[in-house]
Amino acid sequence: MRITDIKVETHPIASNIRNAYIDFSTMTCSLVAIVSDVIRDGKPLVGYGFNSNGRYSATGLIKERFIPRLEKAEPRSILTKDGNNFDPSLIWDTLMANEKPGGHGERSVAVGVIDMAVWDLVSKIEDKPLYQLLAERYGDGTPDKSIFVYAAGGYYYPGKNYQALKDEMQSYVDRGYRVCKMKIGGADLTEDLKRIDAAIEVVGSGRNLAVDVNGRFDLPTAIKYAEALAPYDLFWYEEIGDPADYGLQAAIAQVYSKPMATGENLFSMQDARNLIRFGGMRPDRDWLQFDCALSYGLVEYLRTLQMLRNHGWSPRRCIPHGGHQLSSNIAAGLGLGGNESYPDLFKPFGGFADGHPVVDSYVTLPDVPGIGFEAKSDLIPIMHALAS
């Protein structure tokens, strides 16, 4: 058993939207195909991966640094002991050979792309959905039948007024979402509160609305917003300051008693552990958003989950960022709290399998081997084109 080819391309996921920090007009992602010599139905099995939104493609790093290491590896050195499948942990070790600790940024994205493709391939070789494989290897053997999802949107874009925001939120409600999220921090407090009021008119309650600052606030601004947001009883107040400013996060926990969320821009187990140690996050109400596709992949995410357990956190407090199918599989297979969803953005890489509608903010996963890309008709042709 061996890898016969690894292919990578850059694809656009551009949009005219913006949050409090960046616009997405030039956003890209990397797509990887790992081709094996395992033949099913007359064709080689292929694993696919791509990086989550919010970070640009890492194609250069993948091509120049990480693919060569995997290609040079002795084939037997990356297989399970019985030789019947690839071992994701051994492949991860191969990718990270001769890498210094720290520096968790674009490198973590590049490794995460390859790792996603590896897990897609491994579960296809096992002829199981990835969520089932994860439940059997790392859970109690029974995956969740459905997972919680919320609709992420509410971005700023030119000419978007309150009615346009309400229409957007209504479209999510009409598609089965009970909980929705919107951006704040890209306007002043008075304007953002008017936008929040408009969104709540549609979703019905602050408990059905999350707000996301995308790391924009300094401490005085964060406190000012916290005081204004508290009466709304929001689903969560997200990524309030710089993701690595654990002191700011801890300070807000002292003045804001409602749920907070953060973690999507922390890209390693070590950084996640520092958040838990020093960020004042509360395991009875707060939410953790680590995105495995941006943070060295599922091999590292398993370490992060173990770290959380060691610190008294339940996996149910994790709702990953990104809205991609890998996180959906992890949520179902490992018992997370759910997954983000982008109903209208970052297509075709985000979203769920065909024929799996959202019902009361829950969605089911397809019963197909792998991550489930083959059940997503707008994405799989792009993947097949790369592999061929």
Protein backbone atom coordinates (compact mmCIF):
# COMPACT_ATOMS: atom_id res chain seq x y z
CA MET A 1 0.00 0.00 0.00
CA ARG A 2 1.40 3.34 -1.00
CA ILE A 3 0.66 6.89 -2.06
CA THR A 4 1.13 7.19 -5.82
CA ASP A 5 0.55 10.92 -6.31
CA ILE A 6 -0.20 14.13 -4.40
CA LYS A 7 -1.71 17.08 -6.22
CA VAL A 8 -2.45 20.60 -5.00
CA GLU A 9 -4.13 23.69 -6.46
CA THR A 10 -5.25 27.11 -5.26
CA HIS A 11 -8.93 28.01 -5.59
CA PRO A 12 -10.74 31.31 -4.98
CA ILE A 13 -13.39 31.67 -2.27
CA ALA A 14 -13.62 35.43 -2.72
CA SER A 15 -16.58 37.57 -1.62
CA ASN A 16 -17.29 41.29 -1.23
CA ILE A 17 -18.13 40.84 2.46
CA ARG A 18 -16.08 42.20 5.37
CA ASN A 19 -15.92 41.74 9.11
CA ALA A 20 -14.45 44.10 11.70
CA TYR A 21 -10.90 43.34 10.56
CA ILE A 22 -10.64 42.14 6.95
CA ASP A 23 -12.53 41.90 3.69
CA PHE A 24 -12.72 38.66 1.73
CA SER A 25 -12.29 40.05 -1.78
CA THR A 26 -9.07 38.13 -2.45
CA MET A 27 -9.56 35.08 -0.23
CA THR A 28 -8.24 31.76 -1.51
CA CYS A 29 -7.84 28.17 -0.30
CA SER A 30 -5.67 25.17 -1.15
CA LEU A 31 -7.14 21.90 -2.41
CA VAL A 32 -5.15 18.67 -2.10
CA ALA A 33 -5.73 15.21 -3.59
CA ILE A 34 -3.78 12.21 -2.25
CA VAL A 35 -3.96 9.30 -4.69
CA SER A 36 -3.37 5.76 -3.41
CA ASP A 37 -2.77 2.38 -5.06
CA VAL A 38 -5.86 0.95 -3.33
CA ILE A 39 -8.35 0.08 -6.07
CA ARG A 40 -12.12 0.09 -5.55
CA ASP A 41 -14.62 -0.32 -8.37
CA GLY A 42 -11.76 -0.19 -10.84
CA LYS A 43 -10.43 3.19 -9.62
CA PRO A 44 -7.79 4.24 -7.09
CA LEU A 45 -9.06 5.63 -3.81
CA VAL A 46 -8.31 9.33 -3.37
CA GLY A 47 -8.40 11.47 -0.24
CA TYR A 48 -9.24 15.16 -0.49
CA GLY A 49 -8.53 18.13 1.74
CA PHE A 50 -8.72 21.93 1.75
CA ASN A 51 -8.11 24.72 4.22
CA SER A 52 -10.89 26.45 6.08
CA ASN A 53 -11.88 30.03 5.28
CA GLY A 54 -10.32 33.04 6.96
CA ARG A 55 -6.74 32.17 6.02
CA TYR A 56 -5.30 32.29 2.52
CA SER A 57 -4.13 29.27 0.57
CA ALA A 58 -0.94 27.58 1.73
CA THR A 59 -0.15 26.01 -1.63
CA GLY A 60 3.45 27.21 -1.68
CA LEU A 61 4.25 25.65 1.69
CA ILE A 62 2.44 22.45 0.75
CA LYS A 63 4.36 22.06 -2.50
CA GLU A 64 7.79 23.15 -1.36
CA ARG A 65 8.00 21.84 2.19
CA PHE A 66 5.47 19.21 3.14
CA ILE A 67 4.65 17.14 0.04
CA PRO A 68 8.37 16.40 -0.59
CA ARG A 69 8.73 14.95 2.91
CA LEU A 70 5.74 12.67 2.40
CA GLU A 71 6.93 11.60 -1.03
CA LYS A 72 10.37 10.72 0.30
CA ALA A 73 9.03 8.61 3.17
CA GLU A 74 9.57 4.87 2.97
CA PRO A 75 6.09 3.52 2.18
CA ARG A 76 5.97 1.08 5.09
CA SER A 77 6.89 3.82 7.56
CA ILE A 78 3.50 5.56 7.24
CA LEU A 79 1.28 2.46 7.49
CA THR A 80 -0.49 0.92 10.46
CA LYS A 81 1.21 -2.03 12.16
CA ASP A 82 -0.86 -4.53 10.19
CA GLY A 83 -0.12 -2.70 6.94
CA ASN A 84 -3.81 -2.48 6.02
CA ASN A 85 -4.13 1.30 6.08
CA PHE A 86 -2.25 4.56 6.35
CA ASP A 87 -1.55 5.83 9.85
CA PRO A 88 -2.48 9.54 10.14
CA SER A 89 -0.23 10.04 13.18
CA LEU A 90 2.81 8.61 11.39
CA ILE A 91 2.08 10.75 8.34
CA TRP A 92 1.75 13.79 10.62
CA ASP A 93 5.14 13.01 12.17
CA THR A 94 6.63 12.74 8.69
CA LEU A 95 5.20 16.10 7.65
CA MET A 96 6.50 17.79 10.80
CA ALA A 97 10.01 16.28 10.70
CA ASN A 98 12.71 18.92 11.23
CA GLU A 99 10.18 21.59 12.27
CA LYS A 100 10.83 23.77 15.30
CA PRO A 101 8.21 24.14 18.04
CA GLY A 102 6.08 27.27 17.87
CA GLY A 103 5.36 29.34 14.81
CA HIS A 104 1.79 28.16 14.58
CA GLY A 105 0.40 30.07 11.61
CA GLU A 106 0.53 29.34 7.91
CA ARG A 107 2.46 26.12 8.60
CA SER A 108 -0.47 24.78 10.61
CA VAL A 109 -2.80 25.51 7.69
CA ALA A 110 -0.60 23.63 5.22
CA VAL A 111 -0.37 20.55 7.44
CA GLY A 112 -4.11 20.75 8.15
CA VAL A 113 -4.95 20.56 4.44
CA ILE A 114 -2.89 17.40 3.97
CA ASP A 115 -4.17 15.87 7.20
CA MET A 116 -7.78 16.32 6.04
CA ALA A 117 -7.00 14.45 2.84
CA VAL A 118 -5.28 11.68 4.82
CA TRP A 119 -8.32 11.10 7.04
CA ASP A 120 -10.62 11.13 4.02
CA LEU A 121 -8.46 8.45 2.43
CA VAL A 122 -8.09 6.37 5.61
CA SER A 123 -11.84 6.20 6.19
CA LYS A 124 -12.45 5.36 2.53
CA ILE A 125 -10.01 2.46 2.81
CA GLU A 126 -11.96 1.34 5.91
CA ASP A 127 -15.14 1.79 3.82
CA LYS A 128 -16.76 3.83 6.60
CA PRO A 129 -17.90 7.40 7.08
CA LEU A 130 -15.23 9.27 8.98
CA TYR A 131 -17.64 10.02 11.84
CA GLN A 132 -18.20 6.27 12.33
CA LEU A 133 -14.48 5.56 12.22
CA LEU A 134 -13.81 8.25 14.82
CA ALA A 135 -16.57 7.00 17.11
CA GLU A 136 -15.12 3.50 16.98
CA ARG A 137 -11.49 4.52 17.50
CA TYR A 138 -11.85 7.36 19.98
CA GLY A 139 -15.45 7.40 21.23
CA ASP A 140 -18.03 4.95 22.47
CA GLY A 141 -18.62 3.47 19.02
CA THR A 142 -21.89 5.29 18.39
CA PRO A 143 -21.75 8.67 16.62
CA ASP A 144 -24.36 11.36 17.12
CA LYS A 145 -27.20 10.92 14.63
CA SER A 146 -27.39 14.67 14.07
CA ILE A 147 -25.33 17.69 15.09
CA PHE A 148 -26.19 21.25 16.09
CA VAL A 149 -25.33 23.92 13.53
CA TYR A 150 -25.77 27.67 13.46
CA ALA A 151 -25.87 30.02 10.47
CA ALA A 152 -22.91 32.39 10.28
CA GLY A 153 -23.41 35.61 8.37
CA GLY A 154 -24.35 39.17 9.16
CA TYR A 155 -21.26 40.56 7.49
CA TYR A 156 -20.82 44.17 6.51
CA TYR A 157 -20.90 44.96 2.81
CA PRO A 158 -21.51 48.12 0.76
CA GLY A 159 -25.09 49.34 0.87
CA LYS A 160 -26.30 46.76 3.39
CA ASN A 161 -29.01 48.38 5.51
CA TYR A 162 -31.07 47.05 8.41
CA GLN A 163 -33.69 45.56 6.12
CA ALA A 164 -31.04 43.71 4.15
CA LEU A 165 -29.68 42.29 7.41
CA LYS A 166 -33.18 41.22 8.45
CA ASP A 167 -33.80 39.62 5.06
CA GLU A 168 -30.54 37.68 5.41
CA MET A 169 -31.45 36.44 8.88
CA GLN A 170 -34.92 35.50 7.68
CA SER A 171 -33.40 33.43 4.90
CA TYR A 172 -31.47 31.43 7.50
CA VAL A 173 -34.56 30.91 9.64
CA ASP A 174 -36.48 29.79 6.55
CA ARG A 175 -33.76 27.22 5.88
CA GLY A 176 -34.07 25.63 9.29
CA TYR A 177 -31.61 27.54 11.45
CA ARG A 178 -32.73 28.54 14.93
CA VAL A 179 -29.42 30.16 15.95
CA CYS A 180 -27.71 32.75 13.72
CA LYS A 181 -24.53 34.81 14.02
CA MET A 182 -23.66 38.33 12.89
CA LYS A 183 -20.56 40.50 12.82
CA ILE A 184 -20.04 43.50 15.07
CA GLY A 185 -17.12 45.85 15.67
CA GLY A 186 -17.00 47.15 12.10
CA ALA A 187 -19.21 50.08 13.08
CA ASP A 188 -19.63 52.10 16.27
CA LEU A 189 -21.56 50.77 19.27
CA THR A 190 -24.73 52.73 18.53
CA GLU A 191 -24.90 51.41 14.99
CA ASP A 192 -24.08 47.84 16.03
CA LEU A 193 -26.83 47.85 18.64
CA LYS A 194 -29.32 48.93 15.99
CA ARG A 195 -28.12 46.07 13.80
CA ILE A 196 -28.50 43.63 16.71
CA ASP A 197 -32.03 44.90 17.36
CA ALA A 198 -32.88 44.35 13.70
CA ALA A 199 -31.53 40.79 13.74
CA ILE A 200 -33.39 39.89 16.93
CA GLU A 201 -36.64 41.05 15.34
CA VAL A 202 -36.18 38.07 13.02
CA VAL A 203 -34.55 35.37 15.17
CA GLY A 204 -36.88 36.14 18.05
CA SER A 205 -34.53 36.25 21.02
CA GLY A 206 -31.01 37.21 22.00
CA ARG A 207 -30.48 33.56 22.90
CA ASN A 208 -30.83 32.79 19.18
CA LEU A 209 -28.19 35.34 18.15
CA ALA A 210 -24.39 35.19 18.48
CA VAL A 211 -22.15 38.18 17.76
CA ASP A 212 -18.56 38.07 16.50
CA VAL A 213 -15.95 40.83 16.86
CA ASN A 214 -13.19 39.00 14.94
CA GLY A 215 -10.58 40.13 17.47
CA ARG A 216 -10.99 43.86 16.90
CA PHE A 217 -11.48 45.36 20.38
CA ASP A 218 -9.02 46.73 22.89
CA LEU A 219 -9.97 46.26 26.54
CA PRO A 220 -11.90 49.54 27.07
CA THR A 221 -13.96 48.97 23.93
CA ALA A 222 -14.54 45.33 24.84
CA ILE A 223 -15.86 46.32 28.26
CA LYS A 224 -18.07 49.05 26.79
CA TYR A 225 -19.64 46.54 24.40
CA ALA A 226 -19.92 43.89 27.12
CA GLU A 227 -21.96 46.24 29.28
CA ALA A 228 -24.25 47.09 26.38
CA LEU A 229 -24.65 43.48 25.23
CA ALA A 230 -25.36 41.89 28.62
CA PRO A 231 -29.12 42.70 28.66
CA TYR A 232 -29.61 40.93 25.32
CA ASP A 233 -28.65 37.52 26.82
CA LEU A 234 -26.92 36.56 23.57
CA PHE A 235 -25.97 33.02 22.51
CA TRP A 236 -22.36 34.19 22.73
CA TYR A 237 -19.97 37.18 22.49
CA GLU A 238 -17.17 35.95 20.21
CA GLU A 239 -13.44 36.63 19.75
CA ILE A 240 -13.56 39.91 21.58
CA GLY A 241 -9.89 40.88 21.32
CA ASP A 242 -6.69 39.60 19.75
CA PRO A 243 -6.88 35.78 19.96
CA ALA A 244 -3.58 35.55 21.83
CA ASP A 245 -4.47 38.27 24.36
CA TYR A 246 -5.49 35.91 27.13
CA GLY A 247 -5.40 38.72 29.67
CA LEU A 248 -8.08 40.66 27.81
CA GLN A 249 -10.23 37.55 27.54
CA ALA A 250 -9.87 36.89 31.25
CA ALA A 251 -10.69 40.50 32.11
CA ILE A 252 -13.93 40.37 30.11
CA ALA A 253 -14.92 37.19 31.95
CA GLN A 254 -14.90 39.24 35.14
CA VAL A 255 -17.43 41.77 33.84
CA TYR A 256 -19.51 39.73 31.37
CA SER A 257 -21.42 36.84 32.91
CA LYS A 258 -23.02 35.62 29.68
CA PRO A 259 -21.42 33.06 27.32
CA MET A 260 -18.28 33.94 25.39
CA ALA A 261 -16.62 32.11 22.50
CA THR A 262 -13.12 32.14 21.03
CA GLY A 263 -10.34 29.93 19.68
CA GLU A 264 -10.74 29.89 15.89
CA ASN A 265 -7.39 31.66 15.44
CA LEU A 266 -5.42 29.51 17.86
CA PHE A 267 -3.66 26.90 15.77
CA SER A 268 -2.09 24.37 18.13
CA MET A 269 -2.80 22.36 21.24
CA GLN A 270 -0.26 24.50 23.11
CA ASP A 271 -2.02 27.76 22.23
CA ALA A 272 -5.38 26.22 23.10
CA ARG A 273 -3.94 25.15 26.45
CA ASN A 274 -2.76 28.69 27.15
CA LEU A 275 -6.28 29.93 26.51
CA ILE A 276 -7.63 27.43 29.04
CA ARG A 277 -4.91 28.23 31.57
CA PHE A 278 -4.92 32.02 31.32
CA GLY A 279 -7.96 33.20 29.33
CA GLY A 280 -10.60 33.02 32.04
CA MET A 281 -12.83 30.76 29.93
CA ARG A 282 -15.58 29.06 31.93
CA PRO A 283 -16.40 25.40 31.14
CA ASP A 284 -19.99 25.71 32.32
CA ARG A 285 -21.04 28.34 29.76
CA ASP A 286 -18.30 29.35 27.27
CA TRP A 287 -17.56 27.88 23.84
CA LEU A 288 -14.31 26.85 22.13
CA GLN A 289 -13.98 27.24 18.35
CA PHE A 290 -10.68 25.58 17.41
CA ASP A 291 -10.75 24.70 13.69
CA CYS A 292 -8.81 21.53 12.94
CA ALA A 293 -8.43 22.43 9.26
CA LEU A 294 -6.42 25.51 10.25
CA SER A 295 -4.56 23.96 13.18
CA TYR A 296 -2.51 21.00 11.95
CA GLY A 297 -5.52 18.80 11.30
CA LEU A 298 -7.36 16.10 13.21
CA VAL A 299 -4.22 14.50 14.65
CA GLU A 300 -3.52 17.71 16.56
CA TYR A 301 -7.22 18.25 17.34
CA LEU A 302 -7.30 14.90 19.15
CA ARG A 303 -4.47 16.16 21.35
CA THR A 304 -6.42 19.36 21.99
CA LEU A 305 -9.51 17.41 23.03
CA GLN A 306 -7.45 15.34 25.46
CA MET A 307 -5.94 18.51 26.91
CA LEU A 308 -9.45 19.91 27.41
CA ARG A 309 -10.57 16.78 29.24
CA ASN A 310 -7.51 17.04 31.48
CA HIS A 311 -8.63 20.57 32.39
CA GLY A 312 -12.23 19.62 33.12
CA TRP A 313 -13.78 20.65 29.80
CA SER A 314 -16.33 18.56 27.92
CA PRO A 315 -16.02 18.14 24.14
CA ARG A 316 -19.64 19.37 24.05
CA ARG A 317 -18.30 22.89 24.69
CA CYS A 318 -16.51 22.79 21.31
CA ILE A 319 -18.24 24.19 18.23
CA PRO A 320 -15.53 24.51 15.56
CA HIS A 321 -15.15 27.44 13.21
CA GLY A 322 -15.20 26.95 9.46
CA GLY A 323 -18.42 25.28 8.44
CA HIS A 324 -16.75 22.40 6.58
CA GLN A 325 -17.56 18.70 6.48
CA LEU A 326 -14.48 17.56 8.38
CA SER A 327 -15.64 19.40 11.49
CA SER A 328 -19.13 17.96 11.00
CA ASN A 329 -17.64 14.46 11.08
CA ILE A 330 -15.59 15.28 14.16
CA ALA A 331 -18.65 16.72 15.89
CA ALA A 332 -20.73 13.61 15.19
CA GLY A 333 -17.98 11.08 15.84
CA LEU A 334 -16.40 12.60 18.93
CA GLY A 335 -19.42 14.20 20.57
CA LEU A 336 -18.71 17.90 20.09
CA GLY A 337 -21.30 20.61 20.64
CA GLY A 338 -21.86 21.15 16.94
CA ASN A 339 -20.39 22.98 13.95
CA GLU A 340 -20.52 26.36 12.28
CA SER A 341 -22.33 26.75 8.94
CA TYR A 342 -22.06 29.33 6.15
CA PRO A 343 -25.27 28.87 4.15
CA ASP A 344 -24.36 31.44 1.47
CA LEU A 345 -20.59 31.91 1.66
CA PHE A 346 -17.27 30.25 0.76
CA LYS A 347 -18.88 27.93 -1.76
CA PRO A 348 -18.44 25.22 -2.80
CA PHE A 349 -16.06 24.23 0.01
CA GLY A 350 -18.41 24.97 2.89
CA GLY A 351 -21.80 23.45 3.53
CA PHE A 352 -23.30 20.01 3.91
CA ALA A 353 -24.11 17.00 1.77
CA ASP A 354 -26.97 17.12 -0.69
CA GLY A 355 -30.32 16.00 0.70
CA HIS A 356 -29.46 16.79 4.31
CA PRO A 357 -31.49 19.87 5.24
CA VAL A 358 -31.14 21.75 8.50
CA VAL A 359 -34.08 21.17 10.86
CA ASP A 360 -34.31 23.29 14.02
CA SER A 361 -30.56 23.97 13.77
CA TYR A 362 -29.63 20.27 13.48
CA VAL A 363 -28.34 18.38 10.46
CA THR A 364 -27.56 14.74 9.67
CA LEU A 365 -24.50 13.43 7.82
CA PRO A 366 -24.39 11.19 4.74
CA ASP A 367 -23.75 7.47 5.03
CA VAL A 368 -20.86 7.39 2.55
CA PRO A 369 -17.21 6.41 3.07
CA GLY A 370 -14.82 9.20 3.93
CA ILE A 371 -15.61 12.76 4.89
CA GLY A 372 -18.60 12.84 2.56
CA PHE A 373 -17.34 15.02 -0.28
CA GLU A 374 -18.80 12.60 -2.83
CA ALA A 375 -22.27 13.49 -1.52
CA LYS A 376 -21.76 17.20 -2.26
CA SER A 377 -22.50 17.74 -5.93
CA ASP A 378 -21.12 21.28 -6.22
CA LEU A 379 -17.73 20.32 -4.74
CA ILE A 380 -16.82 16.82 -5.85
CA PRO A 381 -16.39 17.68 -9.58
CA ILE A 382 -13.63 20.15 -8.62
CA MET A 383 -11.96 17.47 -6.53
CA HIS A 384 -12.24 14.84 -9.25
CA ALA A 385 -10.74 17.26 -11.77
CA LEU A 386 -7.70 17.77 -9.56
CA ALA A 387 -7.22 14.04 -8.94
CA SER A 388 -7.43 13.19 -12.62
